PDB file of N, CA and C in Angstrom:
ATOM      1  N   MET A   1     -59.665 115.535  14.564  1.00  0.00           N
ATOM      2  CA  MET A   1     -60.699 116.006  15.457  1.00  0.00           C
ATOM      3  C   MET A   1     -60.266 117.370  15.996  1.00  0.00           C
ATOM      4  N   SER A   2     -61.166 118.342  15.961  1.00  0.00           N
ATOM      5  CA  SER A   2     -60.833 119.692  16.388  1.00  0.00           C
ATOM      6  C   SER A   2     -60.856 119.812  17.905  1.00  0.00           C
ATOM      7  N   LEU A   3     -60.290 120.914  18.391  1.00  0.00           N
ATOM      8  CA  LEU A   3     -60.219 121.160  19.830  1.00  0.00           C
ATOM      9  C   LEU A   3     -61.608 121.287  20.433  1.00  0.00           C
ATOM     10  N   ALA A   4     -62.502 121.970  19.755  1.00  0.00           N
ATOM     11  CA  ALA A   4     -63.853 122.161  20.281  1.00  0.00           C
ATOM     12  C   ALA A   4     -64.590 120.835  20.403  1.00  0.00           C
ATOM     13  N   SER A   5     -64.435 119.958  19.441  1.00  0.00           N
ATOM     14  CA  SER A   5     -65.123 118.676  19.515  1.00  0.00           C
ATOM     15  C   SER A   5     -64.522 117.784  20.598  1.00  0.00           C
ATOM     16  N   LYS A   6     -63.211 117.881  20.825  1.00  0.00           N
ATOM     17  CA  LYS A   6     -62.601 117.115  21.913  1.00  0.00           C
ATOM     18  C   LYS A   6     -63.085 117.600  23.270  1.00  0.00           C
ATOM     19  N   LEU A   7     -63.244 118.911  23.413  1.00  0.00           N
ATOM     20  CA  LEU A   7     -63.712 119.460  24.684  1.00  0.00           C
ATOM     21  C   LEU A   7     -65.176 119.123  24.942  1.00  0.00           C
ATOM     22  N   LYS A   8     -65.985 118.979  23.893  1.00  0.00           N
ATOM     23  CA  LYS A   8     -67.382 118.601  24.065  1.00  0.00           C
ATOM     24  C   LYS A   8     -67.514 117.149  24.504  1.00  0.00           C
ATOM     25  N   VAL A   9     -66.621 116.308  24.019  1.00  0.00           N
ATOM     26  CA  VAL A   9     -66.669 114.883  24.350  1.00  0.00           C
ATOM     27  C   VAL A   9     -66.151 114.626  25.760  1.00  0.00           C
ATOM     28  N   ALA A  10     -65.129 115.372  26.201  1.00  0.00           N
ATOM     29  CA  ALA A  10     -64.494 115.131  27.494  1.00  0.00           C
ATOM     30  C   ALA A  10     -65.389 115.582  28.633  1.00  0.00           C
ATOM     31  N   ASP A  11     -65.368 114.832  29.724  1.00  0.00           N
ATOM     32  CA  ASP A  11     -66.122 115.221  30.904  1.00  0.00           C
ATOM     33  C   ASP A  11     -65.203 115.948  31.879  1.00  0.00           C
ATOM     34  N   VAL A  12     -65.771 116.402  32.978  1.00  0.00           N
ATOM     35  CA  VAL A  12     -65.029 117.199  33.957  1.00  0.00           C
ATOM     36  C   VAL A  12     -63.902 116.381  34.583  1.00  0.00           C
ATOM     37  N   ARG A  13     -64.142 115.109  34.841  1.00  0.00           N
ATOM     38  CA  ARG A  13     -63.108 114.273  35.461  1.00  0.00           C
ATOM     39  C   ARG A  13     -61.906 114.077  34.546  1.00  0.00           C
ATOM     40  N   ALA A  14     -62.113 114.112  33.251  1.00  0.00           N
ATOM     41  CA  ALA A  14     -61.003 113.970  32.314  1.00  0.00           C
ATOM     42  C   ALA A  14     -60.264 115.296  32.123  1.00  0.00           C
ATOM     43  N   LEU A  15     -60.987 116.408  32.231  1.00  0.00           N
ATOM     44  CA  LEU A  15     -60.366 117.710  32.019  1.00  0.00           C
ATOM     45  C   LEU A  15     -59.699 118.275  33.272  1.00  0.00           C
ATOM     46  N   ALA A  16     -60.096 117.824  34.453  1.00  0.00           N
ATOM     47  CA  ALA A  16     -59.554 118.374  35.694  1.00  0.00           C
ATOM     48  C   ALA A  16     -58.034 118.222  35.799  1.00  0.00           C
ATOM     49  N   PRO A  17     -57.455 117.041  35.535  1.00  0.00           N
ATOM     50  CA  PRO A  17     -55.985 116.957  35.600  1.00  0.00           C
ATOM     51  C   PRO A  17     -55.291 117.813  34.544  1.00  0.00           C
ATOM     52  N   ILE A  18     -55.897 117.932  33.373  1.00  0.00           N
ATOM     53  CA  ILE A  18     -55.305 118.753  32.313  1.00  0.00           C
ATOM     54  C   ILE A  18     -55.271 120.212  32.746  1.00  0.00           C
ATOM     55  N   VAL A  19     -56.375 120.682  33.305  1.00  0.00           N
ATOM     56  CA  VAL A  19     -56.451 122.066  33.780  1.00  0.00           C
ATOM     57  C   VAL A  19     -55.478 122.281  34.935  1.00  0.00           C
ATOM     58  N   PHE A  20     -55.392 121.320  35.858  1.00  0.00           N
ATOM     59  CA  PHE A  20     -54.490 121.444  36.999  1.00  0.00           C
ATOM     60  C   PHE A  20     -53.038 121.564  36.544  1.00  0.00           C
ATOM     61  N   TYR A  21     -52.580 120.632  35.729  1.00  0.00           N
ATOM     62  CA  TYR A  21     -51.187 120.667  35.304  1.00  0.00           C
ATOM     63  C   TYR A  21     -50.891 121.881  34.422  1.00  0.00           C
ATOM     64  N   GLY A  22     -51.846 122.281  33.598  1.00  0.00           N
ATOM     65  CA  GLY A  22     -51.664 123.485  32.795  1.00  0.00           C
ATOM     66  C   GLY A  22     -51.589 124.739  33.647  1.00  0.00           C
ATOM     67  N   ALA A  23     -52.471 124.843  34.637  1.00  0.00           N
ATOM     68  CA  ALA A  23     -52.463 126.014  35.522  1.00  0.00           C
ATOM     69  C   ALA A  23     -51.192 126.067  36.360  1.00  0.00           C
ATOM     70  N   VAL A  24     -50.747 124.920  36.863  1.00  0.00           N
ATOM     71  CA  VAL A  24     -49.508 124.880  37.650  1.00  0.00           C
ATOM     72  C   VAL A  24     -48.325 125.301  36.784  1.00  0.00           C
ATOM     73  N   GLY A  25     -48.287 124.820  35.553  1.00  0.00           N
ATOM     74  CA  GLY A  25     -47.206 125.212  34.652  1.00  0.00           C
ATOM     75  C   GLY A  25     -47.171 126.707  34.407  1.00  0.00           C
ATOM     76  N   ILE A  26     -48.326 127.297  34.172  1.00  0.00           N
ATOM     77  CA  ILE A  26     -48.398 128.742  33.932  1.00  0.00           C
ATOM     78  C   ILE A  26     -48.022 129.516  35.191  1.00  0.00           C
ATOM     79  N   ILE A  27     -48.533 129.083  36.344  1.00  0.00           N
ATOM     80  CA  ILE A  27     -48.218 129.765  37.605  1.00  0.00           C
ATOM     81  C   ILE A  27     -46.727 129.692  37.903  1.00  0.00           C
ATOM     82  N   PHE A  28     -46.117 128.528  37.704  1.00  0.00           N
ATOM     83  CA  PHE A  28     -44.682 128.399  37.967  1.00  0.00           C
ATOM     84  C   PHE A  28     -43.863 129.274  37.019  1.00  0.00           C
ATOM     85  N   LEU A  29     -44.269 129.372  35.772  1.00  0.00           N
ATOM     86  CA  LEU A  29     -43.528 130.226  34.843  1.00  0.00           C
ATOM     87  C   LEU A  29     -43.726 131.708  35.161  1.00  0.00           C
ATOM     88  N   ILE A  30     -44.873 132.076  35.709  1.00  0.00           N
ATOM     89  CA  ILE A  30     -45.080 133.456  36.159  1.00  0.00           C
ATOM     90  C   ILE A  30     -44.248 133.740  37.395  1.00  0.00           C
ATOM     91  N   LEU A  31     -44.142 132.760  38.303  1.00  0.00           N
ATOM     92  CA  LEU A  31     -43.354 132.944  39.522  1.00  0.00           C
ATOM     93  C   LEU A  31     -41.852 132.913  39.280  1.00  0.00           C
ATOM     94  N   LEU A  32     -41.429 132.432  38.137  1.00  0.00           N
ATOM     95  CA  LEU A  32     -40.003 132.287  37.847  1.00  0.00           C
ATOM     96  C   LEU A  32     -39.234 133.601  37.994  1.00  0.00           C
ATOM     97  N   PRO A  33     -39.620 134.700  37.335  1.00  0.00           N
ATOM     98  CA  PRO A  33     -38.848 135.937  37.522  1.00  0.00           C
ATOM     99  C   PRO A  33     -39.039 136.564  38.900  1.00  0.00           C
ATOM    100  N   LEU A  34     -40.151 136.276  39.554  1.00  0.00           N
ATOM    101  CA  LEU A  34     -40.390 136.853  40.876  1.00  0.00           C
ATOM    102  C   LEU A  34     -39.534 136.200  41.965  1.00  0.00           C
ATOM    103  N   SER A  35     -39.010 135.017  41.680  1.00  0.00           N
ATOM    104  CA  SER A  35     -38.205 134.308  42.673  1.00  0.00           C
ATOM    105  C   SER A  35     -36.739 134.195  42.253  1.00  0.00           C
ATOM    106  N   ASN A  36     -36.276 135.111  41.412  1.00  0.00           N
ATOM    107  CA  ASN A  36     -34.879 135.193  40.964  1.00  0.00           C
ATOM    108  C   ASN A  36     -34.434 134.004  40.125  1.00  0.00           C
ATOM    109  N   PHE A  37     -35.312 133.477  39.320  1.00  0.00           N
ATOM    110  CA  PHE A  37     -35.014 132.460  38.308  1.00  0.00           C
ATOM    111  C   PHE A  37     -34.352 131.182  38.823  1.00  0.00           C
ATOM    112  N   PRO A  38     -34.936 130.530  39.832  1.00  0.00           N
ATOM    113  CA  PRO A  38     -34.383 129.220  40.199  1.00  0.00           C
ATOM    114  C   PRO A  38     -34.749 128.201  39.118  1.00  0.00           C
ATOM    115  N   PRO A  39     -33.804 127.381  38.689  1.00  0.00           N
ATOM    116  CA  PRO A  39     -34.074 126.488  37.563  1.00  0.00           C
ATOM    117  C   PRO A  39     -35.133 125.435  37.845  1.00  0.00           C
ATOM    118  N   HIS A  40     -35.274 124.989  39.088  1.00  0.00           N
ATOM    119  CA  HIS A  40     -36.249 123.931  39.363  1.00  0.00           C
ATOM    120  C   HIS A  40     -37.687 124.414  39.166  1.00  0.00           C
ATOM    121  N   ILE A  41     -37.948 125.677  39.401  1.00  0.00           N
ATOM    122  CA  ILE A  41     -39.310 126.197  39.194  1.00  0.00           C
ATOM    123  C   ILE A  41     -39.608 126.263  37.696  1.00  0.00           C
ATOM    124  N   GLY A  42     -38.654 126.716  36.917  1.00  0.00           N
ATOM    125  CA  GLY A  42     -38.849 126.774  35.468  1.00  0.00           C
ATOM    126  C   GLY A  42     -39.018 125.397  34.855  1.00  0.00           C
ATOM    127  N   LEU A  43     -38.171 124.457  35.261  1.00  0.00           N
ATOM    128  CA  LEU A  43     -38.278 123.102  34.729  1.00  0.00           C
ATOM    129  C   LEU A  43     -39.571 122.422  35.142  1.00  0.00           C
ATOM    130  N   THR A  44     -39.997 122.643  36.381  1.00  0.00           N
ATOM    131  CA  THR A  44     -41.264 122.065  36.834  1.00  0.00           C
ATOM    132  C   THR A  44     -42.437 122.681  36.082  1.00  0.00           C
ATOM    133  N   GLY A  45     -42.378 123.972  35.822  1.00  0.00           N
ATOM    134  CA  GLY A  45     -43.433 124.624  35.051  1.00  0.00           C
ATOM    135  C   GLY A  45     -43.514 124.111  33.630  1.00  0.00           C
ATOM    136  N   ILE A  46     -42.376 123.976  32.977  1.00  0.00           N
ATOM    137  CA  ILE A  46     -42.356 123.456  31.608  1.00  0.00           C
ATOM    138  C   ILE A  46     -42.824 122.006  31.585  1.00  0.00           C
ATOM    139  N   MET A  47     -42.361 121.220  32.556  1.00  0.00           N
ATOM    140  CA  MET A  47     -42.774 119.809  32.611  1.00  0.00           C
ATOM    141  C   MET A  47     -44.279 119.685  32.892  1.00  0.00           C
ATOM    142  N   SER A  48     -44.827 120.594  33.676  1.00  0.00           N
ATOM    143  CA  SER A  48     -46.271 120.572  33.932  1.00  0.00           C
ATOM    144  C   SER A  48     -47.063 120.890  32.671  1.00  0.00           C
ATOM    145  N   LEU A  49     -46.589 121.845  31.886  1.00  0.00           N
ATOM    146  CA  LEU A  49     -47.272 122.169  30.636  1.00  0.00           C
ATOM    147  C   LEU A  49     -47.190 121.015  29.640  1.00  0.00           C
ATOM    148  N   ILE A  50     -46.042 120.352  29.583  1.00  0.00           N
ATOM    149  CA  ILE A  50     -45.905 119.195  28.696  1.00  0.00           C
ATOM    150  C   ILE A  50     -46.809 118.064  29.163  1.00  0.00           C
ATOM    151  N   THR A  51     -46.942 117.902  30.477  1.00  0.00           N
ATOM    152  CA  THR A  51     -47.838 116.871  31.019  1.00  0.00           C
ATOM    153  C   THR A  51     -49.288 117.177  30.673  1.00  0.00           C
ATOM    154  N   ALA A  52     -49.683 118.439  30.789  1.00  0.00           N
ATOM    155  CA  ALA A  52     -51.057 118.813  30.424  1.00  0.00           C
ATOM    156  C   ALA A  52     -51.316 118.509  28.954  1.00  0.00           C
ATOM    157  N   TYR A  53     -50.369 118.837  28.104  1.00  0.00           N
ATOM    158  CA  TYR A  53     -50.507 118.543  26.674  1.00  0.00           C
ATOM    159  C   TYR A  53     -50.603 117.041  26.428  1.00  0.00           C
ATOM    160  N   SER A  54     -49.731 116.282  27.088  1.00  0.00           N
ATOM    161  CA  SER A  54     -49.722 114.834  26.840  1.00  0.00           C
ATOM    162  C   SER A  54     -50.985 114.164  27.372  1.00  0.00           C
ATOM    163  N   LEU A  55     -51.540 114.683  28.466  1.00  0.00           N
ATOM    164  CA  LEU A  55     -52.816 114.139  28.956  1.00  0.00           C
ATOM    165  C   LEU A  55     -53.951 114.490  27.995  1.00  0.00           C
ATOM    166  N   PHE A  56     -53.917 115.700  27.459  1.00  0.00           N
ATOM    167  CA  PHE A  56     -54.964 116.117  26.530  1.00  0.00           C
ATOM    168  C   PHE A  56     -54.920 115.306  25.237  1.00  0.00           C
ATOM    169  N   LYS A  57     -53.721 115.052  24.747  1.00  0.00           N
ATOM    170  CA  LYS A  57     -53.566 114.290  23.512  1.00  0.00           C
ATOM    171  C   LYS A  57     -53.535 112.778  23.744  1.00  0.00           C
ATOM    172  N   LYS A  58     -53.604 112.362  25.007  1.00  0.00           N
ATOM    173  CA  LYS A  58     -53.612 110.936  25.387  1.00  0.00           C
ATOM    174  C   LYS A  58     -52.373 110.212  24.860  1.00  0.00           C
ATOM    175  N   ARG A  59     -51.230 110.799  25.135  1.00  0.00           N
ATOM    176  CA  ARG A  59     -49.968 110.179  24.743  1.00  0.00           C
ATOM    177  C   ARG A  59     -49.608 109.080  25.730  1.00  0.00           C
ATOM    178  N   PHE A  60     -48.876 108.082  25.266  1.00  0.00           N
ATOM    179  CA  PHE A  60     -48.526 106.951  26.126  1.00  0.00           C
ATOM    180  C   PHE A  60     -47.546 107.349  27.221  1.00  0.00           C
ATOM    181  N   TRP A  61     -46.787 108.413  27.035  1.00  0.00           N
ATOM    182  CA  TRP A  61     -45.796 108.822  28.011  1.00  0.00           C
ATOM    183  C   TRP A  61     -46.350 109.780  29.055  1.00  0.00           C
ATOM    184  N   ALA A  62     -47.638 110.061  29.008  1.00  0.00           N
ATOM    185  CA  ALA A  62     -48.242 110.972  29.981  1.00  0.00           C
ATOM    186  C   ALA A  62     -48.149 110.424  31.403  1.00  0.00           C
ATOM    187  N   THR A  63     -48.329 109.122  31.547  1.00  0.00           N
ATOM    188  CA  THR A  63     -48.272 108.512  32.876  1.00  0.00           C
ATOM    189  C   THR A  63     -46.884 108.676  33.486  1.00  0.00           C
ATOM    190  N   TRP A  64     -45.853 108.538  32.674  1.00  0.00           N
ATOM    191  CA  TRP A  64     -44.496 108.690  33.198  1.00  0.00           C
ATOM    192  C   TRP A  64     -44.225 110.123  33.635  1.00  0.00           C
ATOM    193  N   LEU A  65     -44.747 111.081  32.914  1.00  0.00           N
ATOM    194  CA  LEU A  65     -44.584 112.474  33.319  1.00  0.00           C
ATOM    195  C   LEU A  65     -45.341 112.770  34.605  1.00  0.00           C
ATOM    196  N   VAL A  66     -46.518 112.190  34.760  1.00  0.00           N
ATOM    197  CA  VAL A  66     -47.290 112.377  35.982  1.00  0.00           C
ATOM    198  C   VAL A  66     -46.530 111.802  37.184  1.00  0.00           C
ATOM    199  N   ILE A  67     -45.930 110.640  37.012  1.00  0.00           N
ATOM    200  CA  ILE A  67     -45.151 110.028  38.098  1.00  0.00           C
ATOM    201  C   ILE A  67     -43.936 110.900  38.430  1.00  0.00           C
ATOM    202  N   ALA A  68     -43.255 111.411  37.411  1.00  0.00           N
ATOM    203  CA  ALA A  68     -42.102 112.283  37.648  1.00  0.00           C
ATOM    204  C   ALA A  68     -42.525 113.561  38.365  1.00  0.00           C
ATOM    205  N   LEU A  69     -43.636 114.157  37.936  1.00  0.00           N
ATOM    206  CA  LEU A  69     -44.123 115.368  38.601  1.00  0.00           C
ATOM    207  C   LEU A  69     -44.593 115.083  40.017  1.00  0.00           C
ATOM    208  N   PHE A  70     -45.098 113.900  40.261  1.00  0.00           N
ATOM    209  CA  PHE A  70     -45.483 113.519  41.617  1.00  0.00           C
ATOM    210  C   PHE A  70     -44.266 113.575  42.537  1.00  0.00           C
ATOM    211  N   ALA A  71     -43.159 113.005  42.082  1.00  0.00           N
ATOM    212  CA  ALA A  71     -41.941 113.015  42.896  1.00  0.00           C
ATOM    213  C   ALA A  71     -41.402 114.429  43.074  1.00  0.00           C
ATOM    214  N   VAL A  72     -41.385 115.199  41.999  1.00  0.00           N
ATOM    215  CA  VAL A  72     -40.860 116.565  42.070  1.00  0.00           C
ATOM    216  C   VAL A  72     -41.748 117.448  42.941  1.00  0.00           C
ATOM    217  N   ALA A  73     -43.055 117.368  42.754  1.00  0.00           N
ATOM    218  CA  ALA A  73     -43.971 118.214  43.518  1.00  0.00           C
ATOM    219  C   ALA A  73     -43.937 117.879  45.001  1.00  0.00           C
ATOM    220  N   THR A  74     -43.865 116.602  45.315  1.00  0.00           N
ATOM    221  CA  THR A  74     -43.799 116.208  46.713  1.00  0.00           C
ATOM    222  C   THR A  74     -42.507 116.714  47.351  1.00  0.00           C
ATOM    223  N   THR A  75     -41.407 116.558  46.660  1.00  0.00           N
ATOM    224  CA  THR A  75     -40.121 117.016  47.195  1.00  0.00           C
ATOM    225  C   THR A  75     -40.090 118.526  47.371  1.00  0.00           C
ATOM    226  N   VAL A  76     -40.503 119.254  46.346  1.00  0.00           N
ATOM    227  CA  VAL A  76     -40.465 120.719  46.404  1.00  0.00           C
ATOM    228  C   VAL A  76     -41.398 121.244  47.485  1.00  0.00           C
ATOM    229  N   SER A  77     -42.611 120.737  47.542  1.00  0.00           N
ATOM    230  CA  SER A  77     -43.564 121.271  48.511  1.00  0.00           C
ATOM    231  C   SER A  77     -43.181 120.926  49.955  1.00  0.00           C
ATOM    232  N   LEU A  78     -42.755 119.700  50.201  1.00  0.00           N
ATOM    233  CA  LEU A  78     -42.371 119.343  51.566  1.00  0.00           C
ATOM    234  C   LEU A  78     -41.085 120.042  51.996  1.00  0.00           C
ATOM    235  N   TYR A  79     -40.144 120.211  51.082  1.00  0.00           N
ATOM    236  CA  TYR A  79     -38.920 120.943  51.408  1.00  0.00           C
ATOM    237  C   TYR A  79     -39.233 122.405  51.709  1.00  0.00           C
ATOM    238  N   THR A  80     -40.101 123.017  50.916  1.00  0.00           N
ATOM    239  CA  THR A  80     -40.479 124.405  51.152  1.00  0.00           C
ATOM    240  C   THR A  80     -41.180 124.554  52.496  1.00  0.00           C
ATOM    241  N   LEU A  81     -42.053 123.620  52.824  1.00  0.00           N
ATOM    242  CA  LEU A  81     -42.713 123.665  54.131  1.00  0.00           C
ATOM    243  C   LEU A  81     -41.701 123.511  55.266  1.00  0.00           C
ATOM    244  N   TYR A  82     -40.718 122.647  55.080  1.00  0.00           N
ATOM    245  CA  TYR A  82     -39.701 122.438  56.105  1.00  0.00           C
ATOM    246  C   TYR A  82     -38.842 123.690  56.300  1.00  0.00           C
ATOM    247  N   VAL A  83     -38.447 124.319  55.189  1.00  0.00           N
ATOM    248  CA  VAL A  83     -37.586 125.501  55.278  1.00  0.00           C
ATOM    249  C   VAL A  83     -38.349 126.690  55.860  1.00  0.00           C
ATOM    250  N   LEU A  84     -39.581 126.877  55.406  1.00  0.00           N
ATOM    251  CA  LEU A  84     -40.360 128.017  55.902  1.00  0.00           C
ATOM    252  C   LEU A  84     -40.827 127.825  57.335  1.00  0.00           C
ATOM    253  N   ALA A  85     -41.057 126.576  57.710  1.00  0.00           N
ATOM    254  CA  ALA A  85     -41.567 126.246  59.050  1.00  0.00           C
ATOM    255  C   ALA A  85     -42.816 127.068  59.383  1.00  0.00           C
ATOM    256  N   PHE A  86     -43.655 127.253  58.388  1.00  0.00           N
ATOM    257  CA  PHE A  86     -44.928 127.964  58.513  1.00  0.00           C
ATOM    258  C   PHE A  86     -44.763 129.419  58.956  1.00  0.00           C
ATOM    259  N   THR A  87     -43.635 130.059  58.604  1.00  0.00           N
ATOM    260  CA  THR A  87     -43.483 131.482  58.897  1.00  0.00           C
ATOM    261  C   THR A  87     -44.235 132.337  57.880  1.00  0.00           C
ATOM    262  N   ASN A  88     -44.366 131.862  56.656  1.00  0.00           N
ATOM    263  CA  ASN A  88     -45.140 132.543  55.627  1.00  0.00           C
ATOM    264  C   ASN A  88     -46.368 131.673  55.344  1.00  0.00           C
ATOM    265  N   TRP A  89     -47.491 132.036  55.923  1.00  0.00           N
ATOM    266  CA  TRP A  89     -48.684 131.201  55.864  1.00  0.00           C
ATOM    267  C   TRP A  89     -49.262 131.074  54.469  1.00  0.00           C
ATOM    268  N   ILE A  90     -49.155 132.120  53.671  1.00  0.00           N
ATOM    269  CA  ILE A  90     -49.718 132.062  52.318  1.00  0.00           C
ATOM    270  C   ILE A  90     -48.963 131.032  51.483  1.00  0.00           C
ATOM    271  N   VAL A  91     -47.644 131.065  51.552  1.00  0.00           N
ATOM    272  CA  VAL A  91     -46.843 130.100  50.800  1.00  0.00           C
ATOM    273  C   VAL A  91     -47.057 128.694  51.355  1.00  0.00           C
ATOM    274  N   ALA A  92     -47.145 128.583  52.673  1.00  0.00           N
ATOM    275  CA  ALA A  92     -47.341 127.268  53.298  1.00  0.00           C
ATOM    276  C   ALA A  92     -48.670 126.647  52.870  1.00  0.00           C
ATOM    277  N   ILE A  93     -49.724 127.415  52.882  1.00  0.00           N
ATOM    278  CA  ILE A  93     -51.033 126.898  52.463  1.00  0.00           C
ATOM    279  C   ILE A  93     -51.015 126.546  50.982  1.00  0.00           C
ATOM    280  N   GLY A  94     -50.351 127.371  50.179  1.00  0.00           N
ATOM    281  CA  GLY A  94     -50.224 127.074  48.752  1.00  0.00           C
ATOM    282  C   GLY A  94     -49.455 125.781  48.498  1.00  0.00           C
ATOM    283  N   MET A  95     -48.396 125.559  49.250  1.00  0.00           N
ATOM    284  CA  MET A  95     -47.608 124.334  49.080  1.00  0.00           C
ATOM    285  C   MET A  95     -48.379 123.100  49.545  1.00  0.00           C
ATOM    286  N   ILE A  96     -49.139 123.245  50.616  1.00  0.00           N
ATOM    287  CA  ILE A  96     -49.972 122.123  51.077  1.00  0.00           C
ATOM    288  C   ILE A  96     -51.026 121.791  50.026  1.00  0.00           C
ATOM    289  N   ALA A  97     -51.664 122.824  49.480  1.00  0.00           N
ATOM    290  CA  ALA A  97     -52.679 122.598  48.444  1.00  0.00           C
ATOM    291  C   ALA A  97     -52.051 121.981  47.194  1.00  0.00           C
ATOM    292  N   TYR A  98     -50.874 122.451  46.819  1.00  0.00           N
ATOM    293  CA  TYR A  98     -50.178 121.910  45.644  1.00  0.00           C
ATOM    294  C   TYR A  98     -49.833 120.441  45.847  1.00  0.00           C
ATOM    295  N   ALA A  99     -49.332 120.098  47.019  1.00  0.00           N
ATOM    296  CA  ALA A  99     -48.975 118.703  47.298  1.00  0.00           C
ATOM    297  C   ALA A  99     -50.213 117.810  47.288  1.00  0.00           C
ATOM    298  N   ILE A 100     -51.262 118.242  47.956  1.00  0.00           N
ATOM    299  CA  ILE A 100     -52.482 117.423  48.036  1.00  0.00           C
ATOM    300  C   ILE A 100     -53.110 117.244  46.654  1.00  0.00           C
ATOM    301  N   LEU A 101     -53.211 118.322  45.881  1.00  0.00           N
ATOM    302  CA  LEU A 101     -53.796 118.212  44.548  1.00  0.00           C
ATOM    303  C   LEU A 101     -52.940 117.346  43.626  1.00  0.00           C
ATOM    304  N   THR A 102     -51.633 117.428  43.780  1.00  0.00           N
ATOM    305  CA  THR A 102     -50.767 116.561  42.991  1.00  0.00           C
ATOM    306  C   THR A 102     -51.000 115.105  43.339  1.00  0.00           C
ATOM    307  N   TRP A 103     -51.113 114.800  44.617  1.00  0.00           N
ATOM    308  CA  TRP A 103     -51.365 113.418  45.044  1.00  0.00           C
ATOM    309  C   TRP A 103     -52.715 112.925  44.537  1.00  0.00           C
ATOM    310  N   VAL A 104     -53.731 113.783  44.636  1.00  0.00           N
ATOM    311  CA  VAL A 104     -55.084 113.402  44.202  1.00  0.00           C
ATOM    312  C   VAL A 104     -55.101 113.132  42.696  1.00  0.00           C
ATOM    313  N   PHE A 105     -54.523 114.029  41.906  1.00  0.00           N
ATOM    314  CA  PHE A 105     -54.552 113.844  40.460  1.00  0.00           C
ATOM    315  C   PHE A 105     -53.651 112.702  40.007  1.00  0.00           C
ATOM    316  N   THR A 106     -52.569 112.448  40.721  1.00  0.00           N
ATOM    317  CA  THR A 106     -51.746 111.291  40.395  1.00  0.00           C
ATOM    318  C   THR A 106     -52.526 110.004  40.655  1.00  0.00           C
ATOM    319  N   ALA A 107     -53.193 109.931  41.796  1.00  0.00           N
ATOM    320  CA  ALA A 107     -54.005 108.741  42.103  1.00  0.00           C
ATOM    321  C   ALA A 107     -55.127 108.583  41.080  1.00  0.00           C
ATOM    322  N   HIS A 108     -55.754 109.685  40.703  1.00  0.00           N
ATOM    323  CA  HIS A 108     -56.840 109.637  39.723  1.00  0.00           C
ATOM    324  C   HIS A 108     -56.345 109.092  38.374  1.00  0.00           C
ATOM    325  N   ILE A 109     -55.210 109.595  37.921  1.00  0.00           N
ATOM    326  CA  ILE A 109     -54.682 109.156  36.627  1.00  0.00           C
ATOM    327  C   ILE A 109     -54.240 107.701  36.688  1.00  0.00           C
ATOM    328  N   MET A 110     -53.625 107.296  37.792  1.00  0.00           N
ATOM    329  CA  MET A 110     -53.185 105.903  37.909  1.00  0.00           C
ATOM    330  C   MET A 110     -54.386 104.950  37.985  1.00  0.00           C
ATOM    331  N   LEU A 111     -55.425 105.335  38.705  1.00  0.00           N
ATOM    332  CA  LEU A 111     -56.623 104.493  38.764  1.00  0.00           C
ATOM    333  C   LEU A 111     -57.323 104.426  37.423  1.00  0.00           C
ATOM    334  N   LYS A 112     -57.355 105.539  36.717  1.00  0.00           N
ATOM    335  CA  LYS A 112     -57.960 105.566  35.383  1.00  0.00           C
ATOM    336  C   LYS A 112     -57.150 104.692  34.425  1.00  0.00           C
ATOM    337  N   ARG A 113     -55.851 104.703  34.571  1.00  0.00           N
ATOM    338  CA  ARG A 113     -54.983 103.879  33.730  1.00  0.00           C
ATOM    339  C   ARG A 113     -55.213 102.407  34.007  1.00  0.00           C
ATOM    340  N   LYS A 114     -55.355 102.049  35.278  1.00  0.00           N
ATOM    341  CA  LYS A 114     -55.605 100.649  35.641  1.00  0.00           C
ATOM    342  C   LYS A 114     -56.949 100.168  35.102  1.00  0.00           C
ATOM    343  N   SER A 115     -57.960 101.043  35.136  1.00  0.00           N
ATOM    344  CA  SER A 115     -59.292 100.630  34.669  1.00  0.00           C
ATOM    345  C   SER A 115     -59.340 100.492  33.152  1.00  0.00           C
ATOM    346  N   THR A 116     -58.526 101.274  32.429  1.00  0.00           N
ATOM    347  CA  THR A 116     -58.535 101.147  30.973  1.00  0.00           C
ATOM    348  C   THR A 116     -57.716  99.954  30.499  1.00  0.00           C
ATOM    349  N   GLU A 117     -56.751  99.506  31.313  1.00  0.00           N
ATOM    350  CA  GLU A 117     -55.958  98.334  30.935  1.00  0.00           C
ATOM    351  C   GLU A 117     -56.730  97.036  31.140  1.00  0.00           C
ATOM    352  N   SER A 118     -57.657  97.017  32.097  1.00  0.00           N
ATOM    353  CA  SER A 118     -58.403  95.792  32.395  1.00  0.00           C
ATOM    354  C   SER A 118     -59.436  95.465  31.364  1.00  0.00           C
TER     355      SER A 118
END
């Protein structure tokens, strides 16, 4: 099945997590040289891109990657908020949005997984 036919079949609710994880992966890899190459940003970006791919291809290990990214994203965003203490509002708002969207898409994928197993 070609990419175009898969995109025609998929609805917005199925594509939203793929777009989110893909965009986060690209953004983190763009931010990597701007933040002096911390390894956790690069690894999180690569893991986000792999998660987007695995969700798109409906691999069985996609759920495990989503759970791992949930833990990593929550830790990174809350730690960044704690360290910044809202001194940089743009980064703080970005981290809050990243954490909330990660939680929402994790819940969405887990609920979708539960409904397909039943």
